[in-house]
Every structure is written in structure tokens, then in C-alpha cells.
Amino acid sequence: MVTKLQAAKVALEAGIPSVIASGLQPGIVAAAAAGKPAGTRISGGQ
């Protein structure tokens, strides 16, 4: 989990939103890419 948070921090600092989700859940990547509820979305705000 620590590695996922570190990667999300790097992405956030670069202005890239990310999603932290379980890779064990079938279809999770497709759901996240489609904007459906999936894992925890991390994005910067102004």
C-alpha cells in the first residue's frame, strides 16, 4: 500500500490524477478508466 501511495504522490505532483484500487477485483481498471466508482481517486484541486 505504501508503494501505491508513493506512486499517487508522484502522479499528483505532476498534475496527473490517479486511482488506487485492488488489482484482485475483476474489471477494476476498465471501471476506473470509464469514470465509474472504483477504488480511491486522487486528484489535485485549486
PDB file of N, CA and C in Angstrom:
ATOM      1  N   MET A   1       0.828  -1.199   0.000  1.00  0.00           N
ATOM      2  CA  MET A   1       0.000   0.000   0.000  1.00  0.00           C
ATOM      3  C   MET A   1       0.866   1.254   0.000  1.00  0.00           C
ATOM      4  N   VAL A   2       1.985   1.207   0.699  1.00  0.00           N
ATOM      5  CA  VAL A   2       2.871   2.369   0.744  1.00  0.00           C
ATOM      6  C   VAL A   2       3.339   2.725  -0.664  1.00  0.00           C
ATOM      7  N   THR A   3       3.667   1.715  -1.456  1.00  0.00           N
ATOM      8  CA  THR A   3       4.130   1.960  -2.824  1.00  0.00           C
ATOM      9  C   THR A   3       3.035   2.612  -3.664  1.00  0.00           C
ATOM     10  N   LYS A   4       1.797   2.191  -3.481  1.00  0.00           N
ATOM     11  CA  LYS A   4       0.686   2.796  -4.223  1.00  0.00           C
ATOM     12  C   LYS A   4       0.553   4.273  -3.860  1.00  0.00           C
ATOM     13  N   LEU A   5       0.693   4.591  -2.585  1.00  0.00           N
ATOM     14  CA  LEU A   5       0.586   5.984  -2.146  1.00  0.00           C
ATOM     15  C   LEU A   5       1.743   6.820  -2.673  1.00  0.00           C
ATOM     16  N   GLN A   6       2.938   6.254  -2.695  1.00  0.00           N
ATOM     17  CA  GLN A   6       4.095   6.973  -3.230  1.00  0.00           C
ATOM     18  C   GLN A   6       3.896   7.264  -4.716  1.00  0.00           C
ATOM     19  N   ALA A   7       3.409   6.290  -5.458  1.00  0.00           N
ATOM     20  CA  ALA A   7       3.163   6.482  -6.889  1.00  0.00           C
ATOM     21  C   ALA A   7       2.080   7.537  -7.116  1.00  0.00           C
ATOM     22  N   ALA A   8       1.044   7.523  -6.300  1.00  0.00           N
ATOM     23  CA  ALA A   8      -0.028   8.511  -6.420  1.00  0.00           C
ATOM     24  C   ALA A   8       0.503   9.912  -6.130  1.00  0.00           C
ATOM     25  N   LYS A   9       1.410  10.022  -5.172  1.00  0.00           N
ATOM     26  CA  LYS A   9       2.005  11.322  -4.837  1.00  0.00           C
ATOM     27  C   LYS A   9       2.824  11.853  -6.010  1.00  0.00           C
ATOM     28  N   VAL A  10       3.623  10.996  -6.636  1.00  0.00           N
ATOM     29  CA  VAL A  10       4.422  11.399  -7.797  1.00  0.00           C
ATOM     30  C   VAL A  10       3.500  11.870  -8.921  1.00  0.00           C
ATOM     31  N   ALA A  11       2.441  11.114  -9.178  1.00  0.00           N
ATOM     32  CA  ALA A  11       1.492  11.485 -10.226  1.00  0.00           C
ATOM     33  C   ALA A  11       0.824  12.817  -9.900  1.00  0.00           C
ATOM     34  N   LEU A  12       0.411  12.999  -8.658  1.00  0.00           N
ATOM     35  CA  LEU A  12      -0.258  14.225  -8.237  1.00  0.00           C
ATOM     36  C   LEU A  12       0.659  15.429  -8.408  1.00  0.00           C
ATOM     37  N   GLU A  13       1.929  15.275  -8.044  1.00  0.00           N
ATOM     38  CA  GLU A  13       2.896  16.367  -8.195  1.00  0.00           C
ATOM     39  C   GLU A  13       3.104  16.730  -9.662  1.00  0.00           C
ATOM     40  N   ALA A  14       2.882  15.778 -10.555  1.00  0.00           N
ATOM     41  CA  ALA A  14       2.999  16.022 -11.992  1.00  0.00           C
ATOM     42  C   ALA A  14       1.671  16.483 -12.593  1.00  0.00           C
ATOM     43  N   GLY A  15       0.645  16.620 -11.753  1.00  0.00           N
ATOM     44  CA  GLY A  15      -0.657  17.066 -12.229  1.00  0.00           C
ATOM     45  C   GLY A  15      -1.493  15.980 -12.869  1.00  0.00           C
ATOM     46  N   ILE A  16      -1.155  14.727 -12.568  1.00  0.00           N
ATOM     47  CA  ILE A  16      -1.859  13.595 -13.166  1.00  0.00           C
ATOM     48  C   ILE A  16      -2.752  12.936 -12.117  1.00  0.00           C
ATOM     49  N   PRO A  17      -4.061  12.899 -12.329  1.00  0.00           N
ATOM     50  CA  PRO A  17      -4.937  12.208 -11.383  1.00  0.00           C
ATOM     51  C   PRO A  17      -4.694  10.703 -11.439  1.00  0.00           C
ATOM     52  N   SER A  18      -4.969  10.021 -10.340  1.00  0.00           N
ATOM     53  CA  SER A  18      -4.761   8.573 -10.303  1.00  0.00           C
ATOM     54  C   SER A  18      -5.855   7.905  -9.481  1.00  0.00           C
ATOM     55  N   VAL A  19      -5.861   6.590  -9.545  1.00  0.00           N
ATOM     56  CA  VAL A  19      -6.814   5.783  -8.788  1.00  0.00           C
ATOM     57  C   VAL A  19      -6.041   4.695  -8.074  1.00  0.00           C
ATOM     58  N   ILE A  20      -6.306   4.519  -6.790  1.00  0.00           N
ATOM     59  CA  ILE A  20      -5.732   3.408  -6.036  1.00  0.00           C
ATOM     60  C   ILE A  20      -6.851   2.389  -5.863  1.00  0.00           C
ATOM     61  N   ALA A  21      -6.620   1.177  -6.373  1.00  0.00           N
ATOM     62  CA  ALA A  21      -7.649   0.138  -6.327  1.00  0.00           C
ATOM     63  C   ALA A  21      -7.003  -1.235  -6.226  1.00  0.00           C
ATOM     64  N   SER A  22      -7.787  -2.211  -5.851  1.00  0.00           N
ATOM     65  CA  SER A  22      -7.309  -3.586  -5.748  1.00  0.00           C
ATOM     66  C   SER A  22      -7.196  -4.214  -7.128  1.00  0.00           C
ATOM     67  N   GLY A  23      -6.040  -4.763  -7.428  1.00  0.00           N
ATOM     68  CA  GLY A  23      -5.854  -5.467  -8.684  1.00  0.00           C
ATOM     69  C   GLY A  23      -6.500  -6.836  -8.685  1.00  0.00           C
ATOM     70  N   LEU A  24      -7.026  -7.248  -7.544  1.00  0.00           N
ATOM     71  CA  LEU A  24      -7.678  -8.553  -7.441  1.00  0.00           C
ATOM     72  C   LEU A  24      -9.134  -8.512  -7.894  1.00  0.00           C
ATOM     73  N   GLN A  25      -9.692  -7.315  -8.026  1.00  0.00           N
ATOM     74  CA  GLN A  25     -11.098  -7.171  -8.407  1.00  0.00           C
ATOM     75  C   GLN A  25     -11.216  -7.155  -9.931  1.00  0.00           C
ATOM     76  N   PRO A  26     -11.896  -8.133 -10.524  1.00  0.00           N
ATOM     77  CA  PRO A  26     -12.044  -8.172 -11.984  1.00  0.00           C
ATOM     78  C   PRO A  26     -12.719  -6.908 -12.521  1.00  0.00           C
ATOM     79  N   GLY A  27     -12.179  -6.363 -13.596  1.00  0.00           N
ATOM     80  CA  GLY A  27     -12.788  -5.214 -14.247  1.00  0.00           C
ATOM     81  C   GLY A  27     -12.506  -3.873 -13.607  1.00  0.00           C
ATOM     82  N   ILE A  28     -11.681  -3.834 -12.585  1.00  0.00           N
ATOM     83  CA  ILE A  28     -11.462  -2.587 -11.850  1.00  0.00           C
ATOM     84  C   ILE A  28     -10.775  -1.529 -12.711  1.00  0.00           C
ATOM     85  N   VAL A  29      -9.825  -1.941 -13.546  1.00  0.00           N
ATOM     86  CA  VAL A  29      -9.111  -0.971 -14.387  1.00  0.00           C
ATOM     87  C   VAL A  29     -10.062  -0.372 -15.420  1.00  0.00           C
ATOM     88  N   ALA A  30     -10.865  -1.206 -16.047  1.00  0.00           N
ATOM     89  CA  ALA A  30     -11.834  -0.717 -17.031  1.00  0.00           C
ATOM     90  C   ALA A  30     -12.848   0.213 -16.372  1.00  0.00           C
ATOM     91  N   ALA A  31     -13.288  -0.137 -15.175  1.00  0.00           N
ATOM     92  CA  ALA A  31     -14.250   0.707 -14.463  1.00  0.00           C
ATOM     93  C   ALA A  31     -13.637   2.067 -14.140  1.00  0.00           C
ATOM     94  N   ALA A  32     -12.411   2.068 -13.653  1.00  0.00           N
ATOM     95  CA  ALA A  32     -11.740   3.325 -13.322  1.00  0.00           C
ATOM     96  C   ALA A  32     -11.537   4.177 -14.575  1.00  0.00           C
ATOM     97  N   ALA A  33     -11.127   3.544 -15.669  1.00  0.00           N
ATOM     98  CA  ALA A  33     -10.901   4.269 -16.920  1.00  0.00           C
ATOM     99  C   ALA A  33     -12.195   4.852 -17.476  1.00  0.00           C
ATOM    100  N   ALA A  34     -13.310   4.194 -17.192  1.00  0.00           N
ATOM    101  CA  ALA A  34     -14.613   4.664 -17.666  1.00  0.00           C
ATOM    102  C   ALA A  34     -15.221   5.714 -16.739  1.00  0.00           C
ATOM    103  N   GLY A  35     -14.523   6.026 -15.638  1.00  0.00           N
ATOM    104  CA  GLY A  35     -15.031   7.025 -14.708  1.00  0.00           C
ATOM    105  C   GLY A  35     -16.062   6.499 -13.733  1.00  0.00           C
ATOM    106  N   LYS A  36     -16.215   5.184 -13.683  1.00  0.00           N
ATOM    107  CA  LYS A  36     -17.165   4.577 -12.748  1.00  0.00           C
ATOM    108  C   LYS A  36     -16.529   4.500 -11.360  1.00  0.00           C
ATOM    109  N   PRO A  37     -17.342   4.345 -10.315  1.00  0.00           N
ATOM    110  CA  PRO A  37     -16.778   4.210  -8.972  1.00  0.00           C
ATOM    111  C   PRO A  37     -15.828   3.013  -8.901  1.00  0.00           C
ATOM    112  N   ALA A  38     -14.581   3.288  -8.557  1.00  0.00           N
ATOM    113  CA  ALA A  38     -13.577   2.226  -8.488  1.00  0.00           C
ATOM    114  C   ALA A  38     -12.421   2.708  -7.629  1.00  0.00           C
ATOM    115  N   GLY A  39     -12.222   2.111  -6.499  1.00  0.00           N
ATOM    116  CA  GLY A  39     -11.089   2.471  -5.655  1.00  0.00           C
ATOM    117  C   GLY A  39     -11.181   3.889  -5.129  1.00  0.00           C
ATOM    118  N   THR A  40     -10.021   4.475  -4.897  1.00  0.00           N
ATOM    119  CA  THR A  40      -9.922   5.835  -4.373  1.00  0.00           C
ATOM    120  C   THR A  40      -9.284   6.728  -5.424  1.00  0.00           C
ATOM    121  N   ARG A  41     -10.011   7.745  -5.848  1.00  0.00           N
ATOM    122  CA  ARG A  41      -9.479   8.684  -6.840  1.00  0.00           C
ATOM    123  C   ARG A  41      -8.686   9.770  -6.122  1.00  0.00           C
ATOM    124  N   ILE A  42      -7.534  10.087  -6.693  1.00  0.00           N
ATOM    125  CA  ILE A  42      -6.675  11.120  -6.124  1.00  0.00           C
ATOM    126  C   ILE A  42      -6.393  12.134  -7.226  1.00  0.00           C
ATOM    127  N   SER A  43      -6.792  13.371  -6.981  1.00  0.00           N
ATOM    128  CA  SER A  43      -6.533  14.427  -7.959  1.00  0.00           C
ATOM    129  C   SER A  43      -6.349  15.740  -7.214  1.00  0.00           C
ATOM    130  N   GLY A  44      -5.623  16.640  -7.828  1.00  0.00           N
ATOM    131  CA  GLY A  44      -5.357  17.933  -7.201  1.00  0.00           C
ATOM    132  C   GLY A  44      -6.519  18.881  -7.398  1.00  0.00           C
ATOM    133  N   GLY A  45      -6.614  19.823  -6.525  1.00  0.00           N
ATOM    134  CA  GLY A  45      -7.653  20.835  -6.629  1.00  0.00           C
ATOM    135  C   GLY A  45      -7.020  22.211  -6.610  1.00  0.00           C
ATOM    136  N   GLN A  46      -7.796  23.197  -6.968  1.00  0.00           N
ATOM    137  CA  GLN A  46      -7.269  24.559  -6.967  1.00  0.00           C
ATOM    138  C   GLN A  46      -7.969  25.371  -5.920  1.00  0.00           C
TER     139      GLN A  46
END
